[in-house]
N, C-alpha and C. Protein backbone atom coordinates (compact mmCIF):
# COMPACT_ATOMS: atom_id res chain seq x y z
N MET A 1 8.93 27.73 16.43
CA MET A 1 10.04 27.56 15.77
C MET A 1 11.01 26.20 16.29
N LEU A 2 10.91 26.41 17.91
CA LEU A 2 11.90 25.49 18.43
C LEU A 2 10.94 23.81 18.32
N LYS A 3 9.78 23.98 18.49
CA LYS A 3 9.08 22.75 18.21
C LYS A 3 9.17 22.18 17.04
N SER A 4 9.19 22.98 15.93
CA SER A 4 9.52 22.62 14.60
C SER A 4 10.83 21.66 14.40
N LEU A 5 12.09 22.50 15.00
CA LEU A 5 13.45 21.77 15.08
C LEU A 5 13.50 20.73 15.92
N ILE A 6 12.71 20.51 16.92
CA ILE A 6 12.47 19.26 17.54
C ILE A 6 11.95 18.11 16.82
N ARG A 7 10.72 18.48 16.31
CA ARG A 7 10.08 17.40 15.29
C ARG A 7 10.76 17.09 13.80
N LEU A 8 11.70 18.00 13.54
CA LEU A 8 12.65 17.71 12.22
C LEU A 8 13.67 16.80 13.05
N LYS A 9 14.14 17.20 14.06
CA LYS A 9 15.24 16.39 14.83
C LYS A 9 14.78 14.68 15.09
N ARG A 10 13.77 14.69 15.46
CA ARG A 10 12.97 13.16 15.61
C ARG A 10 12.77 12.50 14.54
N ARG A 11 12.27 13.46 13.49
CA ARG A 11 12.05 12.56 12.03
C ARG A 11 13.53 11.96 11.59
N LEU A 12 14.50 12.74 11.52
CA LEU A 12 15.61 12.30 11.14
C LEU A 12 16.27 11.10 12.10
N VAL A 13 15.99 11.19 13.18
CA VAL A 13 16.53 10.12 14.11
C VAL A 13 15.94 8.72 13.72
N ASP A 14 14.65 9.02 13.85
CA ASP A 14 13.62 7.87 13.42
C ASP A 14 13.91 7.37 11.89
N ALA A 15 14.35 8.12 11.19
CA ALA A 15 14.77 7.96 9.51
C ALA A 15 15.84 6.87 9.58
N ARG A 16 16.81 7.54 10.70
CA ARG A 16 18.28 6.80 10.55
C ARG A 16 17.85 5.27 11.26
N GLN A 17 16.94 5.49 12.29
CA GLN A 17 16.61 4.04 12.92
C GLN A 17 16.34 2.79 11.91
N ILE A 18 14.94 3.26 10.94
CA ILE A 18 14.54 2.48 10.09
C ILE A 18 15.54 2.32 9.17
N GLY A 19 16.31 3.37 8.53
CA GLY A 19 17.54 2.95 7.90
C GLY A 19 18.46 1.59 8.36
N GLY A 20 18.47 1.88 9.48
CA GLY A 20 19.71 0.88 10.24
C GLY A 20 18.98 -0.49 10.05
N LEU A 21 17.42 -0.61 10.66
CA LEU A 21 16.82 -1.70 10.61
C LEU A 21 16.78 -2.32 9.29
N LEU A 22 16.88 -1.49 8.30
CA LEU A 22 16.81 -2.21 6.40
C LEU A 22 18.11 -2.85 6.35
N ALA A 23 19.02 -1.94 6.72
CA ALA A 23 20.47 -2.47 6.42
C ALA A 23 20.84 -3.84 7.02
N ARG A 24 20.02 -4.07 8.16
CA ARG A 24 20.45 -5.21 8.66
C ARG A 24 19.62 -6.47 8.51
N SER A 25 18.54 -6.19 8.14
CA SER A 25 17.59 -7.13 7.68
C SER A 25 18.02 -7.93 6.16
N PRO A 26 18.03 -9.30 6.46
CA PRO A 26 18.31 -10.31 5.23
C PRO A 26 17.25 -9.93 4.02
N LYS A 27 16.23 -9.75 4.12
CA LYS A 27 15.09 -9.10 3.43
C LYS A 27 14.71 -7.60 3.61
N LYS A 28 14.88 -6.86 2.69
CA LYS A 28 14.36 -5.64 3.01
C LYS A 28 12.91 -5.53 2.62
N ARG A 29 12.21 -5.13 3.57
CA ARG A 29 10.65 -5.32 3.23
C ARG A 29 10.04 -4.06 4.21
N ILE A 30 9.12 -3.46 3.70
CA ILE A 30 8.74 -2.08 4.35
C ILE A 30 7.00 -2.32 4.38
N VAL A 31 6.47 -1.64 5.42
CA VAL A 31 4.98 -1.53 5.39
C VAL A 31 4.75 0.27 5.59
N ILE A 32 4.20 0.40 4.63
CA ILE A 32 3.70 1.86 4.60
C ILE A 32 2.47 2.29 5.59
N GLY A 33 2.55 3.21 6.27
CA GLY A 33 1.46 3.46 7.03
C GLY A 33 1.03 2.46 7.86
N ALA A 34 1.82 1.89 8.38
CA ALA A 34 1.69 0.69 9.42
C ALA A 34 0.70 0.81 10.49
N ALA A 35 0.73 1.95 11.23
CA ALA A 35 -0.24 2.27 12.12
C ALA A 35 -0.03 1.15 13.24
N GLY A 36 1.46 1.05 13.23
CA GLY A 36 1.74 0.08 14.49
C GLY A 36 1.77 -1.31 14.39
N ILE A 37 0.86 -1.84 13.22
CA ILE A 37 0.85 -3.29 12.82
C ILE A 37 2.04 -3.66 11.80
N CYS A 38 2.85 -4.37 12.22
CA CYS A 38 3.83 -4.95 11.47
C CYS A 38 4.43 -6.28 11.90
N ALA A 39 4.29 -7.35 10.62
CA ALA A 39 4.61 -8.78 11.01
C ALA A 39 6.22 -8.90 11.08
N PRO A 40 6.51 -9.85 11.70
CA PRO A 40 8.08 -9.92 11.95
C PRO A 40 8.63 -10.33 10.56
N GLY A 41 9.88 -9.53 10.41
CA GLY A 41 10.51 -9.60 9.09
C GLY A 41 10.17 -8.28 8.16
N TRP A 42 9.15 -7.40 8.59
CA TRP A 42 8.91 -6.34 7.96
C TRP A 42 9.28 -5.08 8.81
N VAL A 43 9.61 -3.93 8.15
CA VAL A 43 9.97 -3.01 9.20
C VAL A 43 8.96 -1.71 8.63
N ALA A 44 8.40 -1.25 9.72
CA ALA A 44 7.12 0.02 9.91
C ALA A 44 7.58 1.17 9.44
N THR A 45 6.64 2.05 8.56
CA THR A 45 6.76 3.14 8.47
C THR A 45 5.66 3.81 8.68
N GLU A 46 5.76 5.18 8.75
CA GLU A 46 4.49 6.05 8.95
C GLU A 46 4.80 7.35 8.13
N PHE A 47 3.69 7.76 7.75
CA PHE A 47 3.58 9.02 7.12
C PHE A 47 4.93 10.01 7.40
N ASP A 48 4.76 10.61 8.66
CA ASP A 48 5.91 11.58 9.11
C ASP A 48 7.23 11.18 9.00
N ILE A 49 7.68 9.92 8.57
CA ILE A 49 8.83 9.44 8.21
C ILE A 49 9.03 9.06 6.80
N LEU A 50 7.95 8.32 5.96
CA LEU A 50 7.88 8.10 4.53
C LEU A 50 6.67 8.83 3.88
N ASP A 51 6.71 9.73 3.31
CA ASP A 51 5.73 10.03 2.45
C ASP A 51 5.75 9.59 1.06
N LEU A 52 4.84 9.05 0.62
CA LEU A 52 4.98 7.97 -0.52
C LEU A 52 5.21 9.07 -1.58
N CYS A 53 4.96 10.31 -1.57
CA CYS A 53 5.17 10.98 -2.89
C CYS A 53 6.49 11.97 -2.84
N ALA A 54 7.06 11.99 -1.64
CA ALA A 54 8.25 12.54 -1.32
C ALA A 54 9.84 11.64 -1.58
N THR A 55 9.95 11.86 -3.08
CA THR A 55 11.33 11.15 -3.22
C THR A 55 12.30 11.10 -2.31
N ALA A 56 12.62 12.54 -1.61
CA ALA A 56 13.44 12.91 -0.46
C ALA A 56 13.39 11.88 0.70
N ASP A 57 12.30 11.42 1.11
CA ASP A 57 12.07 10.64 2.15
C ASP A 57 12.47 9.37 1.86
N TRP A 58 12.06 8.84 0.53
CA TRP A 58 12.79 7.56 0.21
C TRP A 58 14.28 7.47 0.30
N GLU A 59 14.82 8.19 -0.12
CA GLU A 59 16.20 8.55 -0.39
C GLU A 59 16.81 8.54 0.90
N ARG A 60 16.40 9.12 1.94
CA ARG A 60 16.91 9.10 3.42
C ARG A 60 17.01 7.71 3.88
N LEU A 61 16.01 6.69 3.37
CA LEU A 61 15.94 5.32 3.92
C LEU A 61 16.61 4.45 3.08
N VAL A 62 16.48 4.22 1.87
CA VAL A 62 17.19 3.41 1.04
C VAL A 62 17.65 3.42 -0.18
N ALA A 63 18.30 2.90 -0.83
CA ALA A 63 18.61 3.31 -2.28
C ALA A 63 17.78 2.78 -3.28
N PRO A 64 17.69 3.18 -4.46
CA PRO A 64 16.91 2.83 -5.43
C PRO A 64 17.22 1.19 -5.85
N GLY A 65 16.17 0.35 -5.94
CA GLY A 65 16.47 -0.72 -6.30
C GLY A 65 16.97 -1.59 -5.52
N SER A 66 16.28 -1.11 -4.12
CA SER A 66 17.29 -2.00 -3.16
C SER A 66 16.06 -2.84 -2.10
N LEU A 67 14.67 -2.62 -2.55
CA LEU A 67 13.57 -3.25 -1.58
C LEU A 67 13.18 -4.52 -1.97
N ASP A 68 13.06 -5.24 -1.18
CA ASP A 68 12.50 -6.91 -1.62
C ASP A 68 11.15 -6.74 -1.84
N ALA A 69 10.32 -5.89 -0.96
CA ALA A 69 8.94 -5.93 -0.90
C ALA A 69 8.31 -4.67 -0.22
N ILE A 70 7.37 -4.15 -0.78
CA ILE A 70 6.52 -3.18 0.03
C ILE A 70 5.14 -3.49 0.19
N LEU A 71 4.59 -3.19 1.20
CA LEU A 71 3.05 -3.34 1.79
C LEU A 71 2.30 -2.24 1.92
N ALA A 72 1.25 -1.93 1.63
CA ALA A 72 0.61 -0.78 1.58
C ALA A 72 -1.03 -1.09 1.69
N GLU A 73 -1.71 -1.44 2.90
CA GLU A 73 -3.07 -1.69 2.99
C GLU A 73 -3.71 -0.44 3.27
N HIS A 74 -5.01 -0.02 2.41
CA HIS A 74 -5.71 0.93 2.81
C HIS A 74 -4.79 2.43 3.11
N VAL A 75 -4.18 2.55 2.08
CA VAL A 75 -3.31 3.86 1.99
C VAL A 75 -3.60 4.45 0.57
N TRP A 76 -3.69 4.11 -0.42
CA TRP A 76 -3.76 4.66 -1.77
C TRP A 76 -5.02 5.79 -1.81
N GLU A 77 -6.05 5.18 -1.33
CA GLU A 77 -7.24 5.86 -1.30
C GLU A 77 -7.31 7.37 -0.58
N HIS A 78 -6.22 7.42 -0.08
CA HIS A 78 -6.07 8.71 0.80
C HIS A 78 -5.29 9.79 -0.39
N LEU A 79 -4.88 8.98 -1.44
CA LEU A 79 -3.77 9.79 -2.17
C LEU A 79 -4.67 10.54 -3.56
N GLY A 80 -4.80 11.80 -4.05
CA GLY A 80 -5.16 12.20 -5.07
C GLY A 80 -4.79 11.07 -6.59
N GLU A 81 -5.16 11.50 -7.62
CA GLU A 81 -5.06 11.07 -8.86
C GLU A 81 -3.75 10.92 -8.95
N ALA A 82 -3.14 11.92 -9.39
CA ALA A 82 -1.70 12.53 -9.53
C ALA A 82 -0.74 11.97 -8.42
N GLU A 83 -1.20 12.21 -7.04
CA GLU A 83 -0.16 11.41 -6.45
C GLU A 83 -0.27 10.07 -5.83
N ALA A 84 -1.33 9.37 -6.74
CA ALA A 84 -1.09 7.90 -6.74
C ALA A 84 -0.39 7.39 -7.58
N GLY A 85 -0.37 8.04 -8.82
CA GLY A 85 0.61 7.67 -9.97
C GLY A 85 2.09 7.90 -9.51
N HIS A 86 2.33 9.09 -8.61
CA HIS A 86 3.79 9.33 -8.26
C HIS A 86 4.25 8.51 -7.42
N ALA A 87 3.47 7.84 -6.31
CA ALA A 87 3.73 6.82 -5.47
C ALA A 87 4.07 5.72 -5.81
N ALA A 88 3.19 5.05 -7.00
CA ALA A 88 3.37 4.12 -7.41
C ALA A 88 4.97 3.88 -8.46
N ARG A 89 5.01 5.03 -8.93
CA ARG A 89 6.49 5.10 -9.45
C ARG A 89 7.55 5.42 -8.59
N ASN A 90 7.57 5.94 -7.51
CA ASN A 90 8.50 5.91 -6.48
C ASN A 90 8.80 4.58 -5.84
N CYS A 91 7.62 3.83 -5.77
CA CYS A 91 7.87 2.31 -5.45
C CYS A 91 8.60 1.56 -6.39
N LEU A 92 8.11 1.79 -7.73
CA LEU A 92 8.92 0.96 -8.45
C LEU A 92 10.18 0.90 -8.76
N ARG A 93 10.61 2.31 -8.53
CA ARG A 93 12.11 2.83 -8.69
C ARG A 93 12.87 2.40 -7.51
N PHE A 94 12.32 2.20 -6.12
CA PHE A 94 12.95 1.72 -5.10
C PHE A 94 12.87 0.04 -4.59
N LEU A 95 11.95 -0.58 -5.69
CA LEU A 95 12.14 -1.96 -5.37
C LEU A 95 13.38 -2.67 -6.41
N LYS A 96 13.67 -3.78 -5.96
CA LYS A 96 14.38 -4.60 -7.00
C LYS A 96 13.86 -5.20 -8.13
N PRO A 97 14.30 -5.46 -9.16
CA PRO A 97 13.85 -6.23 -10.16
C PRO A 97 13.31 -7.62 -9.58
N GLY A 98 12.19 -7.94 -9.91
CA GLY A 98 11.53 -8.72 -9.07
C GLY A 98 10.76 -8.48 -7.91
N GLY A 99 10.95 -7.54 -7.39
CA GLY A 99 10.38 -7.14 -5.91
C GLY A 99 8.89 -6.98 -6.06
N ARG A 100 8.07 -6.91 -4.99
CA ARG A 100 6.80 -6.73 -5.04
C ARG A 100 6.24 -5.67 -4.24
N LEU A 101 5.10 -5.10 -4.64
CA LEU A 101 4.46 -3.91 -4.13
C LEU A 101 2.91 -4.87 -3.78
N ARG A 102 2.68 -5.19 -2.65
CA ARG A 102 1.23 -5.49 -2.16
C ARG A 102 0.43 -4.51 -1.88
N VAL A 103 -0.72 -4.08 -2.41
CA VAL A 103 -1.53 -3.20 -2.15
C VAL A 103 -2.95 -3.33 -1.78
N ALA A 104 -3.73 -2.91 -1.27
CA ALA A 104 -5.32 -2.98 -0.80
C ALA A 104 -5.57 -1.61 -0.59
N VAL A 105 -7.20 -1.68 -1.35
CA VAL A 105 -7.75 -0.16 -0.80
C VAL A 105 -9.21 -0.65 -0.92
N PRO A 106 -10.02 -0.05 -0.17
CA PRO A 106 -11.47 -0.14 -0.53
C PRO A 106 -12.23 -0.60 -1.70
N ASP A 107 -12.95 -1.47 -1.92
CA ASP A 107 -13.60 -1.82 -2.82
C ASP A 107 -14.83 -1.23 -3.47
N GLY A 108 -14.91 -0.44 -4.54
CA GLY A 108 -15.83 0.33 -4.90
C GLY A 108 -16.76 -0.29 -5.37
N LEU A 109 -16.80 -1.75 -5.89
CA LEU A 109 -17.86 -2.48 -6.49
C LEU A 109 -18.39 -3.30 -5.56
N HIS A 110 -17.97 -3.27 -4.43
CA HIS A 110 -18.56 -4.33 -3.22
C HIS A 110 -20.03 -3.89 -3.15
N PRO A 111 -20.98 -5.17 -3.20
CA PRO A 111 -22.21 -5.24 -3.37
C PRO A 111 -23.19 -4.55 -2.13
N ASP A 112 -22.50 -4.32 -1.07
CA ASP A 112 -23.07 -4.03 0.15
C ASP A 112 -23.39 -2.27 0.16
N PRO A 113 -24.28 -1.83 0.35
CA PRO A 113 -24.44 -0.52 0.22
C PRO A 113 -24.09 0.05 1.56
N GLY A 114 -23.82 -0.62 2.63
CA GLY A 114 -23.55 -0.21 4.25
C GLY A 114 -21.86 0.09 3.60
N TYR A 115 -21.24 -0.76 3.28
CA TYR A 115 -19.99 -1.05 3.19
C TYR A 115 -19.50 0.21 2.25
N ILE A 116 -20.44 0.37 1.07
CA ILE A 116 -19.95 1.57 0.30
C ILE A 116 -20.03 3.09 0.93
N ASP A 117 -21.20 3.11 1.74
CA ASP A 117 -21.15 4.29 2.41
C ASP A 117 -20.23 4.60 3.48
N ALA A 118 -19.83 3.29 4.01
CA ALA A 118 -18.74 3.62 5.14
C ALA A 118 -17.10 3.98 4.22
N VAL A 119 -16.92 3.61 3.16
CA VAL A 119 -15.80 3.84 2.49
C VAL A 119 -15.52 4.70 1.19
N ARG A 120 -16.66 5.17 0.75
CA ARG A 120 -16.67 6.10 -0.09
C ARG A 120 -16.01 7.58 0.30
N VAL A 121 -15.61 8.48 -0.70
CA VAL A 121 -14.99 9.59 -0.44
C VAL A 121 -15.95 10.52 0.64
N GLY A 122 -15.41 11.07 1.64
CA GLY A 122 -16.20 11.35 2.65
C GLY A 122 -17.47 10.50 3.55
N GLY A 123 -17.33 9.00 3.57
CA GLY A 123 -18.09 8.25 3.97
C GLY A 123 -18.12 8.20 5.59
N SER A 124 -18.91 7.53 5.77
CA SER A 124 -19.32 7.37 7.30
C SER A 124 -18.08 6.62 8.23
N GLY A 125 -17.32 5.89 7.56
CA GLY A 125 -16.21 5.03 8.01
C GLY A 125 -15.19 5.74 8.69
N ALA A 126 -14.55 5.12 9.83
CA ALA A 126 -13.07 5.55 10.29
C ALA A 126 -12.08 5.85 9.25
N GLY A 127 -11.93 7.39 9.11
CA GLY A 127 -10.86 7.79 7.98
C GLY A 127 -11.25 8.09 6.58
N ALA A 128 -12.21 7.82 6.59
CA ALA A 128 -12.98 7.85 5.12
C ALA A 128 -13.30 9.74 4.76
N ASP A 129 -13.04 10.42 6.02
CA ASP A 129 -13.35 11.72 5.59
C ASP A 129 -12.06 12.31 4.84
N ASP A 130 -11.02 11.51 4.72
CA ASP A 130 -9.76 11.87 4.14
C ASP A 130 -9.56 11.06 2.82
N HIS A 131 -10.40 10.32 2.51
CA HIS A 131 -10.58 9.50 1.44
C HIS A 131 -10.79 10.40 -0.10
N LYS A 132 -9.74 10.22 -0.86
CA LYS A 132 -9.90 10.94 -2.10
C LYS A 132 -10.50 10.27 -3.39
N VAL A 133 -10.07 8.81 -3.49
CA VAL A 133 -10.82 8.03 -4.38
C VAL A 133 -11.30 6.69 -3.93
N LEU A 134 -12.51 6.38 -4.65
CA LEU A 134 -13.04 5.22 -4.40
C LEU A 134 -13.00 3.95 -5.47
N TYR A 135 -11.84 3.19 -5.50
CA TYR A 135 -11.61 2.64 -6.79
C TYR A 135 -12.44 1.44 -6.98
N ARG A 136 -12.36 1.00 -8.61
CA ARG A 136 -13.24 -0.08 -8.80
C ARG A 136 -11.73 -1.15 -9.15
N HIS A 137 -11.68 -2.29 -9.57
CA HIS A 137 -10.45 -3.22 -9.63
C HIS A 137 -9.89 -2.84 -10.85
N ASP A 138 -10.42 -2.50 -11.80
CA ASP A 138 -9.58 -1.93 -13.04
C ASP A 138 -9.01 -0.58 -12.95
N SER A 139 -9.66 0.34 -12.33
CA SER A 139 -8.83 1.48 -12.31
C SER A 139 -7.95 1.66 -11.33
N PHE A 140 -7.93 0.76 -10.17
CA PHE A 140 -6.91 0.76 -9.11
C PHE A 140 -5.56 -0.38 -9.78
N ALA A 141 -5.67 -1.18 -10.34
CA ALA A 141 -4.84 -1.95 -11.40
C ALA A 141 -4.03 -0.94 -12.40
N ALA A 142 -4.84 0.17 -13.02
CA ALA A 142 -4.25 0.82 -13.96
C ALA A 142 -3.25 1.81 -13.35
N VAL A 143 -3.48 2.37 -11.87
CA VAL A 143 -2.59 3.07 -11.25
C VAL A 143 -1.05 2.37 -11.73
N PHE A 144 -0.82 1.18 -11.26
CA PHE A 144 0.53 0.41 -11.01
C PHE A 144 0.79 0.19 -12.46
N ARG A 145 -0.01 -0.28 -13.14
CA ARG A 145 0.28 -0.95 -14.60
C ARG A 145 1.11 0.41 -15.32
N ASN A 146 0.11 1.63 -15.39
CA ASN A 146 0.65 2.73 -16.13
C ASN A 146 2.26 3.36 -15.40
N ALA A 147 2.31 2.84 -14.32
CA ALA A 147 3.87 3.12 -13.59
C ALA A 147 4.96 2.20 -14.17
N GLY A 148 4.72 1.26 -14.75
CA GLY A 148 5.28 0.16 -15.29
C GLY A 148 5.40 -1.22 -14.61
N PHE A 149 4.45 -1.54 -13.78
CA PHE A 149 4.53 -2.83 -12.97
C PHE A 149 3.50 -3.77 -13.75
N GLU A 150 3.86 -5.14 -13.63
CA GLU A 150 3.26 -6.15 -13.88
C GLU A 150 2.29 -6.47 -12.65
N ILE A 151 0.79 -6.72 -13.06
CA ILE A 151 -0.18 -6.67 -12.21
C ILE A 151 -0.82 -8.34 -11.91
N ARG A 152 -1.26 -8.80 -10.81
CA ARG A 152 -1.57 -9.67 -10.37
C ARG A 152 -2.93 -9.57 -9.56
N ALA A 153 -3.90 -9.58 -9.92
CA ALA A 153 -5.19 -9.21 -8.94
C ALA A 153 -5.56 -10.49 -7.98
N LEU A 154 -5.63 -10.27 -6.72
CA LEU A 154 -5.77 -11.23 -5.76
C LEU A 154 -7.12 -11.24 -5.41
N GLU A 155 -7.72 -10.05 -4.92
CA GLU A 155 -9.24 -9.99 -4.52
C GLU A 155 -9.72 -9.13 -4.95
N HIS A 156 -11.32 -9.09 -5.56
CA HIS A 156 -12.00 -7.98 -5.92
C HIS A 156 -13.50 -8.58 -6.30
N PHE A 157 -14.35 -7.38 -6.28
CA PHE A 157 -15.68 -7.71 -6.82
C PHE A 157 -15.53 -7.36 -8.37
N ASP A 158 -16.14 -8.05 -9.28
CA ASP A 158 -16.47 -7.41 -10.40
C ASP A 158 -17.80 -7.00 -10.60
N ASP A 159 -18.17 -6.17 -11.76
CA ASP A 159 -19.42 -5.39 -12.21
C ASP A 159 -20.67 -6.17 -11.65
N ARG A 160 -20.58 -7.42 -11.69
CA ARG A 160 -21.96 -8.10 -11.50
C ARG A 160 -21.93 -8.44 -10.30
N GLY A 161 -21.33 -8.32 -8.99
CA GLY A 161 -21.11 -8.31 -7.87
C GLY A 161 -20.59 -9.77 -7.45
N GLN A 162 -19.71 -10.66 -8.11
CA GLN A 162 -19.24 -11.66 -8.26
C GLN A 162 -17.65 -11.25 -7.28
N PHE A 163 -17.56 -11.99 -6.40
CA PHE A 163 -16.26 -12.06 -5.74
C PHE A 163 -14.89 -12.72 -6.43
N HIS A 164 -13.93 -12.57 -6.72
CA HIS A 164 -13.13 -12.92 -7.24
C HIS A 164 -11.79 -13.10 -6.10
N PHE A 165 -11.25 -14.24 -6.29
CA PHE A 165 -10.52 -14.68 -4.93
C PHE A 165 -9.00 -15.80 -5.80
N VAL A 166 -7.74 -15.14 -5.45
CA VAL A 166 -6.80 -15.82 -6.08
C VAL A 166 -5.86 -16.31 -4.68
N ASP A 167 -5.46 -17.37 -4.45
CA ASP A 167 -4.95 -17.97 -3.17
C ASP A 167 -3.46 -17.10 -2.87
N TRP A 168 -3.55 -16.34 -2.01
CA TRP A 168 -2.20 -15.65 -1.66
C TRP A 168 -1.43 -15.84 -0.20
N ASP A 169 -0.09 -15.76 -0.23
CA ASP A 169 0.48 -16.05 0.86
C ASP A 169 0.96 -14.62 1.63
N PRO A 170 0.09 -14.83 3.30
CA PRO A 170 0.33 -13.56 3.97
C PRO A 170 1.92 -13.41 4.41
N ARG A 171 2.78 -14.49 4.22
CA ARG A 171 3.94 -13.99 4.70
C ARG A 171 4.70 -13.10 3.54
N ASP A 172 3.87 -12.97 2.04
CA ASP A 172 4.48 -11.93 1.59
C ASP A 172 3.84 -10.84 1.76
N GLY A 173 3.25 -10.30 2.52
CA GLY A 173 2.38 -9.07 2.77
C GLY A 173 1.10 -9.44 3.32
N MET A 174 0.80 -9.34 4.80
CA MET A 174 -0.51 -9.41 5.44
C MET A 174 -1.08 -8.39 5.11
N VAL A 175 -2.60 -8.65 4.51
CA VAL A 175 -3.55 -7.57 4.35
C VAL A 175 -4.85 -8.18 5.21
N TRP A 176 -5.13 -7.33 6.25
CA TRP A 176 -5.90 -7.96 7.16
C TRP A 176 -7.45 -7.63 6.91
N ARG A 177 -7.63 -6.79 5.86
CA ARG A 177 -9.22 -6.12 5.39
C ARG A 177 -9.17 -7.06 4.30
N SER A 178 -9.29 -8.49 4.39
CA SER A 178 -9.42 -9.25 3.24
C SER A 178 -10.25 -10.52 3.79
N LEU A 179 -10.58 -11.21 2.40
CA LEU A 179 -11.51 -12.38 2.84
C LEU A 179 -11.22 -13.64 4.04
N ARG A 180 -10.13 -13.69 4.04
CA ARG A 180 -9.57 -14.70 4.90
C ARG A 180 -9.56 -14.31 6.19
N PHE A 181 -8.97 -13.02 6.52
CA PHE A 181 -8.34 -12.54 7.66
C PHE A 181 -9.04 -11.30 8.55
N ASP A 182 -10.21 -11.08 7.69
CA ASP A 182 -10.75 -9.91 8.73
C ASP A 182 -11.97 -10.82 9.13
N GLU A 183 -12.22 -10.30 10.67
CA GLU A 183 -13.27 -11.19 11.49
C GLU A 183 -14.49 -11.08 10.96
N ARG A 184 -14.98 -10.00 10.43
CA ARG A 184 -16.33 -9.91 9.90
C ARG A 184 -16.65 -10.88 8.46
N ASN A 185 -15.62 -11.67 8.46
CA ASN A 185 -15.95 -12.50 7.38
C ASN A 185 -16.06 -13.98 7.89
N ARG A 186 -16.29 -14.04 9.29
CA ARG A 186 -16.35 -15.39 9.98
C ARG A 186 -17.17 -16.44 9.36
N ASP A 187 -18.24 -15.95 8.82
CA ASP A 187 -19.29 -16.81 8.43
C ASP A 187 -18.92 -17.28 6.72
N GLY A 188 -17.61 -16.87 6.36
CA GLY A 188 -17.17 -17.34 4.95
C GLY A 188 -17.67 -16.53 4.07
N ARG A 189 -18.33 -15.52 4.33
CA ARG A 189 -18.93 -14.81 2.93
C ARG A 189 -17.96 -13.57 2.90
N PRO A 190 -17.94 -12.88 2.14
CA PRO A 190 -16.94 -11.68 1.63
C PRO A 190 -17.80 -10.25 2.17
N ASN A 191 -17.97 -10.06 3.78
CA ASN A 191 -18.94 -9.07 3.97
C ASN A 191 -17.83 -7.49 4.15
N TYR A 192 -16.69 -7.85 4.33
CA TYR A 192 -15.70 -6.92 4.38
C TYR A 192 -14.36 -7.32 3.84
N THR A 193 -14.07 -6.80 2.44
CA THR A 193 -12.99 -7.53 1.74
C THR A 193 -12.45 -6.37 1.28
N SER A 194 -11.48 -6.14 0.29
CA SER A 194 -10.55 -5.12 -0.49
C SER A 194 -10.34 -5.33 -1.71
N ILE A 195 -9.86 -4.60 -2.39
CA ILE A 195 -9.03 -5.04 -3.75
C ILE A 195 -7.77 -5.17 -3.28
N VAL A 196 -7.36 -6.11 -3.53
CA VAL A 196 -5.90 -6.52 -3.17
C VAL A 196 -5.27 -7.14 -4.65
N VAL A 197 -4.09 -6.41 -4.73
CA VAL A 197 -3.17 -6.47 -5.81
C VAL A 197 -1.96 -6.68 -5.30
N ASP A 198 -1.20 -7.63 -6.39
CA ASP A 198 0.27 -7.56 -6.38
C ASP A 198 0.99 -6.98 -7.53
N ALA A 199 1.69 -5.99 -7.16
CA ALA A 199 2.35 -5.19 -8.44
C ALA A 199 3.60 -5.60 -8.48
N VAL A 200 4.37 -6.38 -9.44
CA VAL A 200 5.75 -6.56 -9.64
C VAL A 200 6.54 -6.15 -10.51
N LYS A 201 7.64 -5.90 -10.02
CA LYS A 201 8.88 -4.80 -10.90
C LYS A 201 9.47 -6.06 -11.80
N SER A 202 9.17 -6.23 -13.15
CA SER A 202 9.97 -7.29 -13.72
C SER A 202 11.22 -7.07 -14.15
N ALA A 203 12.27 -7.72 -14.16
CA ALA A 203 13.58 -7.78 -14.57
C ALA A 203 13.78 -6.83 -15.83
N GLY A 204 14.67 -5.79 -15.91
CA GLY A 204 14.81 -5.11 -16.84
C GLY A 204 13.52 -3.91 -17.32
N THR A 205 12.76 -3.77 -16.01
CA THR A 205 11.64 -2.67 -16.11
C THR A 205 12.48 -1.26 -16.00
N ILE A 206 12.19 -0.22 -16.69
CA ILE A 206 12.83 1.03 -16.80
C ILE A 206 11.76 1.94 -16.19
N PRO A 207 12.24 2.42 -14.97
CA PRO A 207 10.82 3.22 -14.23
C PRO A 207 10.58 4.42 -15.20
N ARG A 208 9.24 4.56 -15.11
CA ARG A 208 8.77 5.87 -15.66
C ARG A 208 9.00 6.95 -15.02
N GLY A 209 9.10 8.03 -15.44
CA GLY A 209 9.55 9.62 -14.75
C GLY A 209 8.69 9.63 -13.41
N ALA A 210 9.27 9.81 -12.42
CA ALA A 210 8.65 10.09 -10.87
C ALA A 210 8.59 11.44 -10.94
């Protein structure tokens, strides 16, 4: 009981600290599941402070419609189908009109069988034992489109094994497991990439029920 109370107290203190950082930031930008990696000008959050699906966690940190940007790299594959939609709707609710959610997940159409074995549900790669979904570009985009976002695909493989890339600015959200920034791609080939999507909350968007 005492340990639970101590954990709760630490969680509330951490939430207040994050809320304070956001309040002082000229741009309110957060990283979901940062795992200690966070670019300057962004505020890191972890699951114990901000559960994507827990609306109460969001409300402790920020006001609806107040965030400029959200970044989530290799997070959504840890959510079940219903959780994925709920998390997307929470992001939409707490972003400003024009705000961006940049999100990346493993690519289920990557042509390398070794890559697929590592990232599949229950795969051999780090953290894959908790993967719930292996997305392809269209099924991943649909999660956010169905929540009410406008979608811009940045990186992904298609059904024919062709890699698609649109130039994107890392200052708007750094995705390390991507064509340009993953060290495994030093030879210029997409050896280790992700589905990378920008989901934008357009002006006048009415969030669909979270």
